[in-house]
Amino acid sequence: MAWYPGAVKMELQPESDAQPAIRPTQLIVHSIVAPWTARRTYEYWRDSTSLESHFGLGYEGDLAQYIGTETRADANAGANRRADGTGAVSIETASNTQASDPWTAAQVEELIKLGVWLHQKHGVPLRICRSHSDPGFGYHSLFREWSTSGTACPGKARIAQFREIVFPGIVARAKGGTAPTQPKPSTTPTTENSMDLTSQVALGDWVPKAWPDDKGLADKQITVNTALGSGYAHSRRAAENTAAILKQLEALRIEVAQLRAAIGKA
């Protein structure tokens, strides 16, 4: 079995030793529909279900590996292990409880680094999967065969990020080029697009409570669900960080477009 040196090892037993071997040919990215750390995801797999993913990724970029990448994990339905012995590596990523938020800058960076390692270690080809069994990179809802009853995972915002930022970043970095980089986060909310945070971005349930409006955020307090309904934290910083993330995404889209143009001229 293979363990990624960029992740904290949190091995699930008996699954790690008992489940059959695979030859990994794909990476499939998921949202876990919970704002969990990598350790909390490990605890869920360990204590609450017989299912599991190979990796878990928290909002802050905390990455853990639960099963070796040459052992089957059970997050991808028909892609877990095929008759020819090939299978997909799976990663569950922290999200809000509607799976509607984008990945954070830290999550994007870890997804890119993991993708590069899988390409180098296991030869996963630098392309988006063309069919459910085609080697490459993908997200859970890309093919019906990857879920038992259909899914929208990882959500529209993250599908756009995957296609416009994460996958191009994996390709660029694997080829020795400059991957799209995340701008330094800003603590100042953006107003460039007349952004209404309460209607455009969901980070749990919204509550109508005001705070002193010294930064233009009155009546836009967020309740972040920290454990699927248990324990709520009212966070002004969450609103500010959300605005910063959206600004970063726009800057990254511009960088990716410039990178594609440069590659096209080469």
C-alpha atoms as a PDB file:
ATOM      1  CA  MET A   1       0.000   0.000   0.000  1.00  0.00           C
ATOM      2  CA  ALA A   2       1.120   3.561  -0.617  1.00  0.00           C
ATOM      3  CA  TRP A   3       0.950   6.496   1.792  1.00  0.00           C
ATOM      4  CA  TYR A   4       1.164  10.111   0.670  1.00  0.00           C
ATOM      5  CA  PRO A   5       3.928  11.922   2.604  1.00  0.00           C
ATOM      6  CA  GLY A   6       1.952  15.182   2.513  1.00  0.00           C
ATOM      7  CA  ALA A   7      -0.885  13.762   4.642  1.00  0.00           C
ATOM      8  CA  VAL A   8      -1.154  12.784   8.292  1.00  0.00           C
ATOM      9  CA  LYS A   9      -1.584   9.010   8.513  1.00  0.00           C
ATOM     10  CA  MET A  10      -4.778   8.021  10.369  1.00  0.00           C
ATOM     11  CA  GLU A  11      -5.095   4.391   9.369  1.00  0.00           C
ATOM     12  CA  LEU A  12      -8.515   2.759   9.494  1.00  0.00           C
ATOM     13  CA  GLN A  13      -8.518  -0.798  10.739  1.00  0.00           C
ATOM     14  CA  PRO A  14      -9.543  -3.453   9.880  1.00  0.00           C
ATOM     15  CA  GLU A  15     -10.353  -1.902   6.485  1.00  0.00           C
ATOM     16  CA  SER A  16      -6.763  -0.998   5.645  1.00  0.00           C
ATOM     17  CA  ASP A  17      -5.614  -4.625   5.901  1.00  0.00           C
ATOM     18  CA  ALA A  18      -8.836  -6.465   5.040  1.00  0.00           C
ATOM     19  CA  GLN A  19      -9.995  -4.760   1.838  1.00  0.00           C
ATOM     20  CA  PRO A  20      -8.669  -5.910  -1.556  1.00  0.00           C
ATOM     21  CA  ALA A  21      -5.841  -4.303  -3.452  1.00  0.00           C
ATOM     22  CA  ILE A  22      -6.400  -1.941  -6.400  1.00  0.00           C
ATOM     23  CA  ARG A  23      -4.262  -0.426  -9.089  1.00  0.00           C
ATOM     24  CA  PRO A  24      -5.145   3.269  -8.717  1.00  0.00           C
ATOM     25  CA  THR A  25      -5.944   4.961 -12.032  1.00  0.00           C
ATOM     26  CA  GLN A  26      -8.248   7.824 -11.004  1.00  0.00           C
ATOM     27  CA  LEU A  27      -8.706  10.544  -8.397  1.00  0.00           C
ATOM     28  CA  ILE A  28     -12.342  11.369  -7.567  1.00  0.00           C
ATOM     29  CA  VAL A  29     -13.013  14.448  -5.462  1.00  0.00           C
ATOM     30  CA  HIS A  30     -15.990  14.697  -3.073  1.00  0.00           C
ATOM     31  CA  SER A  31     -17.581  17.125  -0.608  1.00  0.00           C
ATOM     32  CA  ILE A  32     -18.545  15.492   2.673  1.00  0.00           C
ATOM     33  CA  VAL A  33     -21.427  17.953   3.317  1.00  0.00           C
ATOM     34  CA  ALA A  34     -20.087  18.795   6.768  1.00  0.00           C
ATOM     35  CA  PRO A  35     -17.585  21.428   7.959  1.00  0.00           C
ATOM     36  CA  TRP A  36     -15.305  18.771   9.424  1.00  0.00           C
ATOM     37  CA  THR A  37     -11.587  18.622  10.020  1.00  0.00           C
ATOM     38  CA  ALA A  38      -9.626  15.719   8.598  1.00  0.00           C
ATOM     39  CA  ARG A  39      -9.593  14.118  12.057  1.00  0.00           C
ATOM     40  CA  ARG A  40     -13.356  14.470  12.504  1.00  0.00           C
ATOM     41  CA  THR A  41     -13.857  12.756   9.147  1.00  0.00           C
ATOM     42  CA  TYR A  42     -11.562   9.937  10.310  1.00  0.00           C
ATOM     43  CA  GLU A  43     -13.625   9.551  13.477  1.00  0.00           C
ATOM     44  CA  TYR A  44     -16.812   9.374  11.426  1.00  0.00           C
ATOM     45  CA  TRP A  45     -15.426   6.632   9.176  1.00  0.00           C
ATOM     46  CA  ARG A  46     -14.089   4.775  12.221  1.00  0.00           C
ATOM     47  CA  ASP A  47     -17.119   4.999  14.494  1.00  0.00           C
ATOM     48  CA  SER A  48     -20.272   5.580  12.455  1.00  0.00           C
ATOM     49  CA  THR A  49     -20.189   3.734   9.131  1.00  0.00           C
ATOM     50  CA  SER A  50     -18.575   0.883   7.222  1.00  0.00           C
ATOM     51  CA  LEU A  51     -17.736   3.234   4.360  1.00  0.00           C
ATOM     52  CA  GLU A  52     -14.598   5.319   3.968  1.00  0.00           C
ATOM     53  CA  SER A  53     -12.485   7.462   1.645  1.00  0.00           C
ATOM     54  CA  HIS A  54      -8.745   7.333   1.120  1.00  0.00           C
ATOM     55  CA  PHE A  55      -8.254  10.964   2.193  1.00  0.00           C
ATOM     56  CA  GLY A  56     -10.022  13.703   4.149  1.00  0.00           C
ATOM     57  CA  LEU A  57      -9.351  17.438   3.785  1.00  0.00           C
ATOM     58  CA  GLY A  58     -10.440  20.172   6.194  1.00  0.00           C
ATOM     59  CA  TYR A  59     -11.103  23.842   5.478  1.00  0.00           C
ATOM     60  CA  GLU A  60      -7.674  24.849   6.819  1.00  0.00           C
ATOM     61  CA  GLY A  61      -5.802  22.474   4.516  1.00  0.00           C
ATOM     62  CA  ASP A  62      -5.443  19.726   7.137  1.00  0.00           C
ATOM     63  CA  LEU A  63      -5.083  16.540   5.105  1.00  0.00           C
ATOM     64  CA  ALA A  64      -5.249  12.973   6.435  1.00  0.00           C
ATOM     65  CA  GLN A  65      -4.981   9.583   4.757  1.00  0.00           C
ATOM     66  CA  TYR A  66      -7.043   6.678   6.094  1.00  0.00           C
ATOM     67  CA  ILE A  67      -6.419   3.898   3.563  1.00  0.00           C
ATOM     68  CA  GLY A  68      -3.365   3.248   1.396  1.00  0.00           C
ATOM     69  CA  THR A  69      -3.891   4.279  -2.207  1.00  0.00           C
ATOM     70  CA  GLU A  70      -3.323   0.703  -3.389  1.00  0.00           C
ATOM     71  CA  THR A  71      -6.194  -0.576  -1.245  1.00  0.00           C
ATOM     72  CA  ARG A  72      -9.898  -0.237  -2.078  1.00  0.00           C
ATOM     73  CA  ALA A  73     -11.957   2.449  -0.320  1.00  0.00           C
ATOM     74  CA  ASP A  74     -15.736   2.625  -0.574  1.00  0.00           C
ATOM     75  CA  ALA A  75     -16.640   6.185  -1.566  1.00  0.00           C
ATOM     76  CA  ASN A  76     -17.007   5.782  -5.339  1.00  0.00           C
ATOM     77  CA  ALA A  77     -19.543   2.982  -5.948  1.00  0.00           C
ATOM     78  CA  GLY A  78     -18.597   1.311  -9.264  1.00  0.00           C
ATOM     79  CA  ALA A  79     -15.200   3.003  -9.313  1.00  0.00           C
ATOM     80  CA  ASN A  80     -14.031   1.579  -5.979  1.00  0.00           C
ATOM     81  CA  ARG A  81     -12.579  -1.545  -7.606  1.00  0.00           C
ATOM     82  CA  ARG A  82     -13.285  -2.885 -11.074  1.00  0.00           C
ATOM     83  CA  ALA A  83     -13.051  -6.424 -12.380  1.00  0.00           C
ATOM     84  CA  ASP A  84      -9.623  -5.697 -13.860  1.00  0.00           C
ATOM     85  CA  GLY A  85      -8.294  -4.613 -10.467  1.00  0.00           C
ATOM     86  CA  THR A  86      -8.214  -0.881 -11.211  1.00  0.00           C
ATOM     87  CA  GLY A  87      -9.880   1.571  -8.874  1.00  0.00           C
ATOM     88  CA  ALA A  88     -10.238   5.198  -7.863  1.00  0.00           C
ATOM     89  CA  VAL A  89      -8.578   7.128  -5.069  1.00  0.00           C
ATOM     90  CA  SER A  90     -11.141   9.213  -3.182  1.00  0.00           C
ATOM     91  CA  ILE A  91     -10.869  12.396  -1.153  1.00  0.00           C
ATOM     92  CA  GLU A  92     -13.669  13.870   0.972  1.00  0.00           C
ATOM     93  CA  THR A  93     -13.394  17.625   1.505  1.00  0.00           C
ATOM     94  CA  ALA A  94     -15.018  19.756   4.197  1.00  0.00           C
ATOM     95  CA  SER A  95     -17.983  21.805   3.007  1.00  0.00           C
ATOM     96  CA  ASN A  96     -21.035  23.521   4.402  1.00  0.00           C
ATOM     97  CA  THR A  97     -24.143  21.469   5.068  1.00  0.00           C
ATOM     98  CA  GLN A  98     -25.580  22.306   1.648  1.00  0.00           C
ATOM     99  CA  ALA A  99     -22.345  21.522  -0.247  1.00  0.00           C
ATOM    100  CA  SER A 100     -22.723  24.928  -1.896  1.00  0.00           C
ATOM    101  CA  ASP A 101     -19.526  26.704  -0.875  1.00  0.00           C
ATOM    102  CA  PRO A 102     -16.232  26.856  -2.814  1.00  0.00           C
ATOM    103  CA  TRP A 103     -13.059  25.211  -1.616  1.00  0.00           C
ATOM    104  CA  THR A 104     -10.825  27.461   0.432  1.00  0.00           C
ATOM    105  CA  ALA A 105      -7.431  28.542  -0.863  1.00  0.00           C
ATOM    106  CA  ALA A 106      -5.800  26.020   1.495  1.00  0.00           C
ATOM    107  CA  GLN A 107      -7.997  23.204   0.164  1.00  0.00           C
ATOM    108  CA  VAL A 108      -7.232  24.109  -3.455  1.00  0.00           C
ATOM    109  CA  GLU A 109      -3.491  23.988  -2.763  1.00  0.00           C
ATOM    110  CA  GLU A 110      -3.684  20.563  -1.095  1.00  0.00           C
ATOM    111  CA  LEU A 111      -5.813  19.135  -3.904  1.00  0.00           C
ATOM    112  CA  ILE A 112      -3.245  20.293  -6.465  1.00  0.00           C
ATOM    113  CA  LYS A 113      -0.330  18.803  -4.518  1.00  0.00           C
ATOM    114  CA  LEU A 114      -2.140  15.489  -4.025  1.00  0.00           C
ATOM    115  CA  GLY A 115      -3.001  15.337  -7.725  1.00  0.00           C
ATOM    116  CA  VAL A 116       0.637  15.858  -8.694  1.00  0.00           C
ATOM    117  CA  TRP A 117       1.744  13.089  -6.321  1.00  0.00           C
ATOM    118  CA  LEU A 118      -0.827  10.636  -7.713  1.00  0.00           C
ATOM    119  CA  HIS A 119       0.395  11.397 -11.227  1.00  0.00           C
ATOM    120  CA  GLN A 120       4.022  10.872 -10.220  1.00  0.00           C
ATOM    121  CA  LYS A 121       3.478   7.876  -7.911  1.00  0.00           C
ATOM    122  CA  HIS A 122       0.782   5.939  -9.750  1.00  0.00           C
ATOM    123  CA  GLY A 123       0.869   7.356 -13.262  1.00  0.00           C
ATOM    124  CA  VAL A 124      -2.647   8.836 -13.137  1.00  0.00           C
ATOM    125  CA  PRO A 125      -2.761  10.626 -16.514  1.00  0.00           C
ATOM    126  CA  LEU A 126      -3.121  14.396 -16.707  1.00  0.00           C
ATOM    127  CA  ARG A 127      -6.626  14.507 -18.123  1.00  0.00           C
ATOM    128  CA  ILE A 128     -10.200  14.694 -16.915  1.00  0.00           C
ATOM    129  CA  CYS A 129     -11.764  11.228 -17.095  1.00  0.00           C
ATOM    130  CA  ARG A 130     -13.522  10.685 -20.449  1.00  0.00           C
ATOM    131  CA  SER A 131     -15.690   7.839 -19.167  1.00  0.00           C
ATOM    132  CA  HIS A 132     -16.426   6.235 -15.821  1.00  0.00           C
ATOM    133  CA  SER A 133     -13.548   3.771 -16.261  1.00  0.00           C
ATOM    134  CA  ASP A 134     -11.107   6.065 -18.079  1.00  0.00           C
ATOM    135  CA  PRO A 135      -7.959   6.866 -16.078  1.00  0.00           C
ATOM    136  CA  GLY A 136      -7.609  10.480 -14.985  1.00  0.00           C
ATOM    137  CA  PHE A 137      -9.067  13.062 -12.620  1.00  0.00           C
ATOM    138  CA  GLY A 138     -12.706  13.752 -11.837  1.00  0.00           C
ATOM    139  CA  TYR A 139     -15.366  14.761  -9.320  1.00  0.00           C
ATOM    140  CA  HIS A 140     -18.116  12.588  -7.864  1.00  0.00           C
ATOM    141  CA  SER A 141     -21.033  13.695 -10.056  1.00  0.00           C
ATOM    142  CA  LEU A 142     -19.047  13.463 -13.306  1.00  0.00           C
ATOM    143  CA  PHE A 143     -20.354   9.933 -14.039  1.00  0.00           C
ATOM    144  CA  ARG A 144     -23.453   8.137 -12.795  1.00  0.00           C
ATOM    145  CA  GLU A 145     -21.465   4.930 -12.229  1.00  0.00           C
ATOM    146  CA  TRP A 146     -19.505   6.644  -9.453  1.00  0.00           C
ATOM    147  CA  SER A 147     -22.534   6.900  -7.143  1.00  0.00           C
ATOM    148  CA  THR A 148     -25.261   4.501  -6.071  1.00  0.00           C
ATOM    149  CA  SER A 149     -28.250   6.799  -6.623  1.00  0.00           C
ATOM    150  CA  GLY A 150     -26.973   9.906  -8.421  1.00  0.00           C
ATOM    151  CA  THR A 151     -25.373  12.910  -6.788  1.00  0.00           C
ATOM    152  CA  ALA A 152     -24.586  16.610  -7.231  1.00  0.00           C
ATOM    153  CA  CYS A 153     -21.344  16.240  -5.232  1.00  0.00           C
ATOM    154  CA  PRO A 154     -19.142  18.244  -4.866  1.00  0.00           C
ATOM    155  CA  GLY A 155     -21.519  21.098  -5.818  1.00  0.00           C
ATOM    156  CA  LYS A 156     -21.592  23.659  -8.632  1.00  0.00           C
ATOM    157  CA  ALA A 157     -19.064  26.059  -7.100  1.00  0.00           C
ATOM    158  CA  ARG A 158     -16.476  23.322  -6.630  1.00  0.00           C
ATOM    159  CA  ILE A 159     -17.070  21.740 -10.020  1.00  0.00           C
ATOM    160  CA  ALA A 160     -16.240  25.129 -11.562  1.00  0.00           C
ATOM    161  CA  GLN A 161     -13.123  25.377  -9.387  1.00  0.00           C
ATOM    162  CA  PHE A 162     -12.073  21.860 -10.366  1.00  0.00           C
ATOM    163  CA  ARG A 163     -12.274  22.627 -14.070  1.00  0.00           C
ATOM    164  CA  GLU A 164     -10.896  26.164 -13.957  1.00  0.00           C
ATOM    165  CA  ILE A 165      -8.336  26.061 -11.126  1.00  0.00           C
ATOM    166  CA  VAL A 166      -7.616  22.680  -9.521  1.00  0.00           C
ATOM    167  CA  PHE A 167      -7.124  20.473 -12.572  1.00  0.00           C
ATOM    168  CA  PRO A 168      -5.194  23.104 -14.595  1.00  0.00           C
ATOM    169  CA  GLY A 169      -3.055  23.601 -11.490  1.00  0.00           C
ATOM    170  CA  ILE A 170      -2.261  19.887 -11.283  1.00  0.00           C
ATOM    171  CA  VAL A 171      -1.284  19.795 -14.956  1.00  0.00           C
ATOM    172  CA  ALA A 172       0.855  22.924 -14.801  1.00  0.00           C
ATOM    173  CA  ARG A 173       2.716  21.907 -11.658  1.00  0.00           C
ATOM    174  CA  ALA A 174       3.219  18.306 -12.779  1.00  0.00           C
ATOM    175  CA  LYS A 175       4.823  19.615 -15.974  1.00  0.00           C
ATOM    176  CA  GLY A 176       7.162  21.865 -14.041  1.00  0.00           C
ATOM    177  CA  GLY A 177       5.314  25.049 -14.854  1.00  0.00           C
ATOM    178  CA  THR A 178       3.725  27.607 -12.594  1.00  0.00           C
ATOM    179  CA  ALA A 179       0.390  26.472 -11.249  1.00  0.00           C
ATOM    180  CA  PRO A 180      -2.304  29.047 -10.501  1.00  0.00           C
ATOM    181  CA  THR A 181      -1.462  30.513  -7.119  1.00  0.00           C
ATOM    182  CA  GLN A 182      -3.776  31.725  -4.420  1.00  0.00           C
ATOM    183  CA  PRO A 183      -3.516  35.483  -3.750  1.00  0.00           C
ATOM    184  CA  LYS A 184      -2.737  36.426  -0.176  1.00  0.00           C
ATOM    185  CA  PRO A 185      -6.054  36.418   1.708  1.00  0.00           C
ATOM    186  CA  SER A 186      -7.494  39.810   2.485  1.00  0.00           C
ATOM    187  CA  THR A 187      -9.461  40.669   5.612  1.00  0.00           C
ATOM    188  CA  THR A 188     -11.284  43.468   3.802  1.00  0.00           C
ATOM    189  CA  PRO A 189     -14.604  42.464   2.240  1.00  0.00           C
ATOM    190  CA  THR A 190     -14.934  43.162  -1.454  1.00  0.00           C
ATOM    191  CA  THR A 191     -17.745  45.291  -2.876  1.00  0.00           C
ATOM    192  CA  GLU A 192     -16.596  45.183  -6.499  1.00  0.00           C
ATOM    193  CA  ASN A 193     -19.512  43.024  -7.635  1.00  0.00           C
ATOM    194  CA  SER A 194     -22.160  44.498  -5.303  1.00  0.00           C
ATOM    195  CA  MET A 195     -21.962  41.156  -3.501  1.00  0.00           C
ATOM    196  CA  ASP A 196     -24.821  40.227  -1.184  1.00  0.00           C
ATOM    197  CA  LEU A 197     -23.199  37.588   0.992  1.00  0.00           C
ATOM    198  CA  THR A 198     -26.445  36.417   2.556  1.00  0.00           C
ATOM    199  CA  SER A 199     -28.012  35.544  -0.798  1.00  0.00           C
ATOM    200  CA  GLN A 200     -24.996  34.298  -2.774  1.00  0.00           C
ATOM    201  CA  VAL A 201     -22.921  32.270  -0.307  1.00  0.00           C
ATOM    202  CA  ALA A 202     -24.207  29.759   2.237  1.00  0.00           C
ATOM    203  CA  LEU A 203     -21.948  28.711   5.104  1.00  0.00           C
ATOM    204  CA  GLY A 204     -24.509  26.968   7.253  1.00  0.00           C
ATOM    205  CA  ASP A 205     -27.661  28.756   8.386  1.00  0.00           C
ATOM    206  CA  TRP A 206     -27.966  32.533   8.293  1.00  0.00           C
ATOM    207  CA  VAL A 207     -29.300  34.473  11.271  1.00  0.00           C
ATOM    208  CA  PRO A 208     -30.493  38.129  11.329  1.00  0.00           C
ATOM    209  CA  LYS A 209     -28.187  39.575  13.953  1.00  0.00           C
ATOM    210  CA  ALA A 210     -26.275  42.839  13.551  1.00  0.00           C
ATOM    211  CA  TRP A 211     -22.814  43.803  14.744  1.00  0.00           C
ATOM    212  CA  PRO A 212     -21.104  47.222  14.795  1.00  0.00           C
ATOM    213  CA  ASP A 213     -20.859  48.240  11.154  1.00  0.00           C
ATOM    214  CA  ASP A 214     -17.278  49.470  11.081  1.00  0.00           C
ATOM    215  CA  LYS A 215     -16.530  47.216   8.089  1.00  0.00           C
ATOM    216  CA  GLY A 216     -19.801  47.443   6.195  1.00  0.00           C
ATOM    217  CA  LEU A 217     -21.054  44.035   7.289  1.00  0.00           C
ATOM    218  CA  ALA A 218     -24.019  44.949   9.505  1.00  0.00           C
ATOM    219  CA  ASP A 219     -26.865  42.417   9.483  1.00  0.00           C
ATOM    220  CA  LYS A 220     -24.702  39.856   7.670  1.00  0.00           C
ATOM    221  CA  GLN A 221     -23.680  37.563  10.525  1.00  0.00           C
ATOM    222  CA  ILE A 222     -23.204  33.906   9.661  1.00  0.00           C
ATOM    223  CA  THR A 223     -23.884  30.855  11.763  1.00  0.00           C
ATOM    224  CA  VAL A 224     -21.292  28.248  10.886  1.00  0.00           C
ATOM    225  CA  ASN A 225     -22.451  24.737  11.645  1.00  0.00           C
ATOM    226  CA  THR A 226     -19.416  23.118  13.219  1.00  0.00           C
ATOM    227  CA  ALA A 227     -20.705  19.557  13.639  1.00  0.00           C
ATOM    228  CA  LEU A 228     -23.844  18.802  11.660  1.00  0.00           C
ATOM    229  CA  GLY A 229     -26.183  20.597  14.022  1.00  0.00           C
ATOM    230  CA  SER A 230     -24.239  20.551  17.275  1.00  0.00           C
ATOM    231  CA  GLY A 231     -22.365  23.647  18.323  1.00  0.00           C
ATOM    232  CA  TYR A 232     -22.805  26.904  16.412  1.00  0.00           C
ATOM    233  CA  ALA A 233     -20.302  29.721  16.191  1.00  0.00           C
ATOM    234  CA  HIS A 234     -21.378  33.194  15.141  1.00  0.00           C
ATOM    235  CA  SER A 235     -18.527  34.424  13.027  1.00  0.00           C
ATOM    236  CA  ARG A 236     -17.944  37.853  11.623  1.00  0.00           C
ATOM    237  CA  ARG A 237     -14.598  36.590  10.353  1.00  0.00           C
ATOM    238  CA  ALA A 238     -16.412  33.941   8.298  1.00  0.00           C
ATOM    239  CA  ALA A 239     -18.215  36.640   6.335  1.00  0.00           C
ATOM    240  CA  GLU A 240     -14.965  38.505   5.721  1.00  0.00           C
ATOM    241  CA  ASN A 241     -13.126  35.346   4.658  1.00  0.00           C
ATOM    242  CA  THR A 242     -15.959  34.377   2.324  1.00  0.00           C
ATOM    243  CA  ALA A 243     -15.700  37.713   0.548  1.00  0.00           C
ATOM    244  CA  ALA A 244     -11.923  37.289   0.276  1.00  0.00           C
ATOM    245  CA  ILE A 245     -12.261  33.776  -1.169  1.00  0.00           C
ATOM    246  CA  LEU A 246     -14.644  34.956  -3.870  1.00  0.00           C
ATOM    247  CA  LYS A 247     -12.211  37.720  -4.809  1.00  0.00           C
ATOM    248  CA  GLN A 248      -9.386  35.154  -4.964  1.00  0.00           C
ATOM    249  CA  LEU A 249     -11.406  32.929  -7.280  1.00  0.00           C
ATOM    250  CA  GLU A 250     -11.891  35.734  -9.757  1.00  0.00           C
ATOM    251  CA  ALA A 251      -8.165  36.501  -9.719  1.00  0.00           C
ATOM    252  CA  LEU A 252      -7.360  32.819 -10.221  1.00  0.00           C
ATOM    253  CA  ARG A 253      -9.711  32.534 -13.194  1.00  0.00           C
ATOM    254  CA  ILE A 254      -7.827  35.405 -14.820  1.00  0.00           C
ATOM    255  CA  GLU A 255      -4.458  33.721 -14.115  1.00  0.00           C
ATOM    256  CA  VAL A 256      -5.657  30.404 -15.562  1.00  0.00           C
ATOM    257  CA  ALA A 257      -6.859  32.133 -18.711  1.00  0.00           C
ATOM    258  CA  GLN A 258      -3.468  33.814 -19.090  1.00  0.00           C
ATOM    259  CA  LEU A 259      -1.683  30.491 -18.525  1.00  0.00           C
ATOM    260  CA  ARG A 260      -3.801  28.771 -21.173  1.00  0.00           C
ATOM    261  CA  ALA A 261      -3.082  31.551 -23.619  1.00  0.00           C
ATOM    262  CA  ALA A 262       0.641  31.286 -22.954  1.00  0.00           C
ATOM    263  CA  ILE A 263       0.587  27.492 -23.419  1.00  0.00           C
ATOM    264  CA  GLY A 264      -1.311  27.929 -26.682  1.00  0.00           C
ATOM    265  CA  LYS A 265       1.378  30.237 -28.056  1.00  0.00           C
ATOM    266  CA  ALA A 266       4.222  27.944 -27.011  1.00  0.00           C
END
